[in-house]
Amino acid sequence: MTNNDILKKLRVALMLRDDQIVEILELVDFRISKSELGAFFRAEDHENYMECGDQVLRNFLNGLVIHLRGTKENPKNPNDVLAKHKAEIPKKDSTKERPEFKAAPKDSEKYRGDQSSSKSGSSAGKPKKKAFPKGNGKPSIVEKVVYKNGKNKK
């Protein structure tokens, strides 16, 4: 796992934006621009990809400790800091417009809304008894076939 992977995973896990990462690095007097930071998060085959060095990751981790725990003189609760990050993330309004996914019923013809049901709707709540032929209780799928092998039975 590379330093870039570690930085990406920490950004996702802690719900950090690029500007917040820049602020965290400034806590330990390490200056970096957003564009340099964005180069760390690019795909490896991208032309502007840059490897994250040990010094950048070390300074980020040290700054992250200060950001989450605070200093000795001014301690913070890490859970409060993470809750603040979560509250800053804007909620998506598109979830209201998008209906919930519902699996298609097994008998899709039965639940179609554009056609009227072929069955009578008078007993809407009651399940109907299935009409099985007498015998083993299973419907007859294949009718009996008489095989003629060319021999006459007497």
C-alpha atoms as a PDB file:
ATOM      1  CA  MET A   1       0.000   0.000   0.000  1.00  0.00           C
ATOM      2  CA  THR A   2       1.458   3.339  -1.035  1.00  0.00           C
ATOM      3  CA  ASN A   3       1.385   6.646   0.817  1.00  0.00           C
ATOM      4  CA  ASN A   4      -1.161   7.859  -1.730  1.00  0.00           C
ATOM      5  CA  ASP A   5      -3.490   4.977  -0.825  1.00  0.00           C
ATOM      6  CA  ILE A   6      -3.160   5.735   2.883  1.00  0.00           C
ATOM      7  CA  LEU A   7      -3.900   9.416   2.295  1.00  0.00           C
ATOM      8  CA  LYS A   8      -6.951   8.562   0.149  1.00  0.00           C
ATOM      9  CA  LYS A   9      -8.334   6.125   2.712  1.00  0.00           C
ATOM     10  CA  LEU A  10      -7.891   8.603   5.567  1.00  0.00           C
ATOM     11  CA  ARG A  11      -9.614  11.322   3.560  1.00  0.00           C
ATOM     12  CA  VAL A  12     -12.621   9.072   2.913  1.00  0.00           C
ATOM     13  CA  ALA A  13     -12.765   7.581   6.417  1.00  0.00           C
ATOM     14  CA  LEU A  14     -12.603  10.974   8.143  1.00  0.00           C
ATOM     15  CA  MET A  15     -14.815  12.699   5.540  1.00  0.00           C
ATOM     16  CA  LEU A  16     -12.253  15.416   4.829  1.00  0.00           C
ATOM     17  CA  ARG A  17     -12.344  17.905   1.974  1.00  0.00           C
ATOM     18  CA  ASP A  18      -9.206  19.154   0.255  1.00  0.00           C
ATOM     19  CA  ASP A  19      -9.332  22.537   1.984  1.00  0.00           C
ATOM     20  CA  GLN A  20      -9.610  20.812   5.372  1.00  0.00           C
ATOM     21  CA  ILE A  21      -6.526  18.714   4.575  1.00  0.00           C
ATOM     22  CA  VAL A  22      -4.633  21.899   3.662  1.00  0.00           C
ATOM     23  CA  GLU A  23      -5.666  23.416   7.028  1.00  0.00           C
ATOM     24  CA  ILE A  24      -4.549  20.258   8.875  1.00  0.00           C
ATOM     25  CA  LEU A  25      -1.136  20.453   7.190  1.00  0.00           C
ATOM     26  CA  GLU A  26      -0.858  24.132   8.148  1.00  0.00           C
ATOM     27  CA  LEU A  27      -1.253  23.157  11.823  1.00  0.00           C
ATOM     28  CA  VAL A  28       2.271  21.685  11.638  1.00  0.00           C
ATOM     29  CA  ASP A  29       3.593  24.548   9.458  1.00  0.00           C
ATOM     30  CA  PHE A  30       3.586  22.529   6.249  1.00  0.00           C
ATOM     31  CA  ARG A  31       2.328  24.548   3.281  1.00  0.00           C
ATOM     32  CA  ILE A  32       0.798  22.774   0.282  1.00  0.00           C
ATOM     33  CA  SER A  33      -1.613  23.969  -2.392  1.00  0.00           C
ATOM     34  CA  LYS A  34      -4.900  22.326  -3.307  1.00  0.00           C
ATOM     35  CA  SER A  35      -3.606  21.462  -6.768  1.00  0.00           C
ATOM     36  CA  GLU A  36      -0.557  19.686  -5.331  1.00  0.00           C
ATOM     37  CA  LEU A  37      -2.856  17.820  -2.963  1.00  0.00           C
ATOM     38  CA  GLY A  38      -5.178  16.887  -5.826  1.00  0.00           C
ATOM     39  CA  ALA A  39      -2.236  15.313  -7.656  1.00  0.00           C
ATOM     40  CA  PHE A  40      -1.899  12.791  -4.809  1.00  0.00           C
ATOM     41  CA  PHE A  41      -5.497  11.637  -5.285  1.00  0.00           C
ATOM     42  CA  ARG A  42      -5.295  11.100  -9.044  1.00  0.00           C
ATOM     43  CA  ALA A  43      -5.049   7.720 -10.755  1.00  0.00           C
ATOM     44  CA  GLU A  44      -1.511   6.407 -11.201  1.00  0.00           C
ATOM     45  CA  ASP A  45      -1.720   6.507 -14.996  1.00  0.00           C
ATOM     46  CA  HIS A  46      -2.850  10.167 -15.065  1.00  0.00           C
ATOM     47  CA  GLU A  47      -0.310  12.647 -16.428  1.00  0.00           C
ATOM     48  CA  ASN A  48      -0.561  14.933 -13.348  1.00  0.00           C
ATOM     49  CA  TYR A  49      -0.242  12.115 -10.800  1.00  0.00           C
ATOM     50  CA  MET A  50       2.340  12.706  -8.110  1.00  0.00           C
ATOM     51  CA  GLU A  51       3.610  10.277  -5.494  1.00  0.00           C
ATOM     52  CA  CYS A  52       2.971  11.288  -1.916  1.00  0.00           C
ATOM     53  CA  GLY A  53       6.295  11.398  -0.130  1.00  0.00           C
ATOM     54  CA  ASP A  54       6.987  10.223   3.389  1.00  0.00           C
ATOM     55  CA  GLN A  55       7.416  13.791   4.595  1.00  0.00           C
ATOM     56  CA  VAL A  56       3.942  14.851   3.378  1.00  0.00           C
ATOM     57  CA  LEU A  57       2.249  11.833   4.962  1.00  0.00           C
ATOM     58  CA  ARG A  58       4.205  12.247   8.208  1.00  0.00           C
ATOM     59  CA  ASN A  59       3.224  15.916   8.475  1.00  0.00           C
ATOM     60  CA  PHE A  60      -0.404  15.093   7.639  1.00  0.00           C
ATOM     61  CA  LEU A  61      -0.561  12.445  10.384  1.00  0.00           C
ATOM     62  CA  ASN A  62       1.025  14.790  12.936  1.00  0.00           C
ATOM     63  CA  GLY A  63      -1.384  17.555  11.944  1.00  0.00           C
ATOM     64  CA  LEU A  64      -4.296  15.134  12.110  1.00  0.00           C
ATOM     65  CA  VAL A  65      -3.418  14.309  15.727  1.00  0.00           C
ATOM     66  CA  ILE A  66      -3.489  18.011  16.589  1.00  0.00           C
ATOM     67  CA  HIS A  67      -6.689  18.531  14.593  1.00  0.00           C
ATOM     68  CA  LEU A  68      -8.557  15.701  16.304  1.00  0.00           C
ATOM     69  CA  ARG A  69      -7.107  15.729  19.836  1.00  0.00           C
ATOM     70  CA  GLY A  70      -6.105  19.356  20.130  1.00  0.00           C
ATOM     71  CA  THR A  71      -3.018  20.581  21.939  1.00  0.00           C
ATOM     72  CA  LYS A  72      -1.956  19.894  25.509  1.00  0.00           C
ATOM     73  CA  GLU A  73      -3.183  23.339  26.576  1.00  0.00           C
ATOM     74  CA  ASN A  74      -6.427  23.161  24.566  1.00  0.00           C
ATOM     75  CA  PRO A  75      -7.594  19.489  24.309  1.00  0.00           C
ATOM     76  CA  LYS A  76     -10.508  18.459  22.070  1.00  0.00           C
ATOM     77  CA  ASN A  77     -12.798  15.445  21.930  1.00  0.00           C
ATOM     78  CA  PRO A  78     -12.142  13.583  18.641  1.00  0.00           C
ATOM     79  CA  ASN A  79     -15.789  12.440  18.419  1.00  0.00           C
ATOM     80  CA  ASP A  80     -16.960  16.057  18.471  1.00  0.00           C
ATOM     81  CA  VAL A  81     -14.560  16.970  15.673  1.00  0.00           C
ATOM     82  CA  LEU A  82     -15.715  14.022  13.531  1.00  0.00           C
ATOM     83  CA  ALA A  83     -19.390  14.854  14.195  1.00  0.00           C
ATOM     84  CA  LYS A  84     -18.689  18.422  13.038  1.00  0.00           C
ATOM     85  CA  HIS A  85     -17.156  17.065   9.805  1.00  0.00           C
ATOM     86  CA  LYS A  86     -20.206  14.894   9.230  1.00  0.00           C
ATOM     87  CA  ALA A  87     -22.567  17.825   9.806  1.00  0.00           C
ATOM     88  CA  GLU A  88     -20.717  19.957   7.237  1.00  0.00           C
ATOM     89  CA  ILE A  89     -21.350  17.454   4.445  1.00  0.00           C
ATOM     90  CA  PRO A  90     -24.328  18.703   2.405  1.00  0.00           C
ATOM     91  CA  LYS A  91     -27.286  16.349   2.153  1.00  0.00           C
ATOM     92  CA  LYS A  92     -28.403  15.309  -1.320  1.00  0.00           C
ATOM     93  CA  ASP A  93     -31.926  16.388  -2.264  1.00  0.00           C
ATOM     94  CA  SER A  94     -32.110  13.885  -5.112  1.00  0.00           C
ATOM     95  CA  THR A  95     -33.114  11.102  -2.702  1.00  0.00           C
ATOM     96  CA  LYS A  96     -36.617  12.593  -2.446  1.00  0.00           C
ATOM     97  CA  GLU A  97     -37.154  12.436  -6.199  1.00  0.00           C
ATOM     98  CA  ARG A  98     -35.770   8.948  -6.661  1.00  0.00           C
ATOM     99  CA  PRO A  99     -38.235   6.233  -5.642  1.00  0.00           C
ATOM    100  CA  GLU A 100     -37.153   3.323  -3.525  1.00  0.00           C
ATOM    101  CA  PHE A 101     -36.160   0.208  -5.423  1.00  0.00           C
ATOM    102  CA  LYS A 102     -38.798  -2.478  -5.260  1.00  0.00           C
ATOM    103  CA  ALA A 103     -38.144  -5.936  -6.572  1.00  0.00           C
ATOM    104  CA  ALA A 104     -40.501  -7.077  -9.312  1.00  0.00           C
ATOM    105  CA  PRO A 105     -43.030  -9.596  -8.047  1.00  0.00           C
ATOM    106  CA  LYS A 106     -42.709 -13.160  -9.263  1.00  0.00           C
ATOM    107  CA  ASP A 107     -46.066 -13.029 -10.998  1.00  0.00           C
ATOM    108  CA  SER A 108     -45.619  -9.717 -12.801  1.00  0.00           C
ATOM    109  CA  GLU A 109     -48.821 -10.098 -14.831  1.00  0.00           C
ATOM    110  CA  LYS A 110     -50.827 -10.227 -11.637  1.00  0.00           C
ATOM    111  CA  TYR A 111     -49.556  -6.837 -10.419  1.00  0.00           C
ATOM    112  CA  ARG A 112     -49.563  -4.891 -13.673  1.00  0.00           C
ATOM    113  CA  GLY A 113     -51.376  -1.619 -13.359  1.00  0.00           C
ATOM    114  CA  ASP A 114     -51.998  -0.989 -17.048  1.00  0.00           C
ATOM    115  CA  GLN A 115     -54.177  -4.077 -17.570  1.00  0.00           C
ATOM    116  CA  SER A 116     -57.164  -5.262 -15.628  1.00  0.00           C
ATOM    117  CA  SER A 117     -56.761  -8.532 -13.850  1.00  0.00           C
ATOM    118  CA  SER A 118     -58.276 -11.559 -15.549  1.00  0.00           C
ATOM    119  CA  LYS A 119     -59.261 -13.009 -12.192  1.00  0.00           C
ATOM    120  CA  SER A 120     -62.346 -11.806 -10.391  1.00  0.00           C
ATOM    121  CA  GLY A 121     -61.650  -9.064  -7.885  1.00  0.00           C
ATOM    122  CA  SER A 122     -64.458  -9.940  -5.467  1.00  0.00           C
ATOM    123  CA  SER A 123     -62.255 -11.978  -3.151  1.00  0.00           C
ATOM    124  CA  ALA A 124     -59.431  -9.457  -3.090  1.00  0.00           C
ATOM    125  CA  GLY A 125     -57.961 -10.358   0.292  1.00  0.00           C
ATOM    126  CA  LYS A 126     -58.395 -14.141   0.255  1.00  0.00           C
ATOM    127  CA  PRO A 127     -56.004 -16.507  -1.467  1.00  0.00           C
ATOM    128  CA  LYS A 128     -57.769 -18.883  -3.827  1.00  0.00           C
ATOM    129  CA  LYS A 129     -57.478 -22.624  -3.549  1.00  0.00           C
ATOM    130  CA  LYS A 130     -55.471 -24.079  -6.369  1.00  0.00           C
ATOM    131  CA  ALA A 131     -57.288 -26.543  -8.550  1.00  0.00           C
ATOM    132  CA  PHE A 132     -55.062 -29.615  -8.420  1.00  0.00           C
ATOM    133  CA  PRO A 133     -56.193 -32.926  -9.879  1.00  0.00           C
ATOM    134  CA  LYS A 134     -56.935 -35.566  -7.323  1.00  0.00           C
ATOM    135  CA  GLY A 135     -54.051 -37.790  -6.462  1.00  0.00           C
ATOM    136  CA  ASN A 136     -50.629 -36.605  -5.322  1.00  0.00           C
ATOM    137  CA  GLY A 137     -51.540 -32.893  -5.041  1.00  0.00           C
ATOM    138  CA  LYS A 138     -49.279 -31.732  -7.860  1.00  0.00           C
ATOM    139  CA  PRO A 139     -50.527 -30.238 -11.105  1.00  0.00           C
ATOM    140  CA  SER A 140     -50.242 -32.423 -14.168  1.00  0.00           C
ATOM    141  CA  ILE A 141     -47.571 -30.853 -16.326  1.00  0.00           C
ATOM    142  CA  VAL A 142     -47.225 -33.503 -19.013  1.00  0.00           C
ATOM    143  CA  GLU A 143     -50.105 -35.609 -20.216  1.00  0.00           C
ATOM    144  CA  LYS A 144     -49.723 -39.368 -20.309  1.00  0.00           C
ATOM    145  CA  VAL A 145     -48.219 -40.660 -23.494  1.00  0.00           C
ATOM    146  CA  VAL A 146     -48.860 -44.152 -24.863  1.00  0.00           C
ATOM    147  CA  TYR A 147     -45.775 -45.609 -26.481  1.00  0.00           C
ATOM    148  CA  LYS A 148     -46.234 -48.000 -29.378  1.00  0.00           C
ATOM    149  CA  ASN A 149     -43.142 -50.028 -30.054  1.00  0.00           C
ATOM    150  CA  GLY A 150     -44.637 -51.953 -32.931  1.00  0.00           C
ATOM    151  CA  LYS A 151     -45.627 -54.970 -30.824  1.00  0.00           C
ATOM    152  CA  ASN A 152     -49.276 -55.903 -30.595  1.00  0.00           C
ATOM    153  CA  LYS A 153     -50.465 -56.618 -27.110  1.00  0.00           C
ATOM    154  CA  LYS A 154     -53.096 -59.333 -26.782  1.00  0.00           C
END
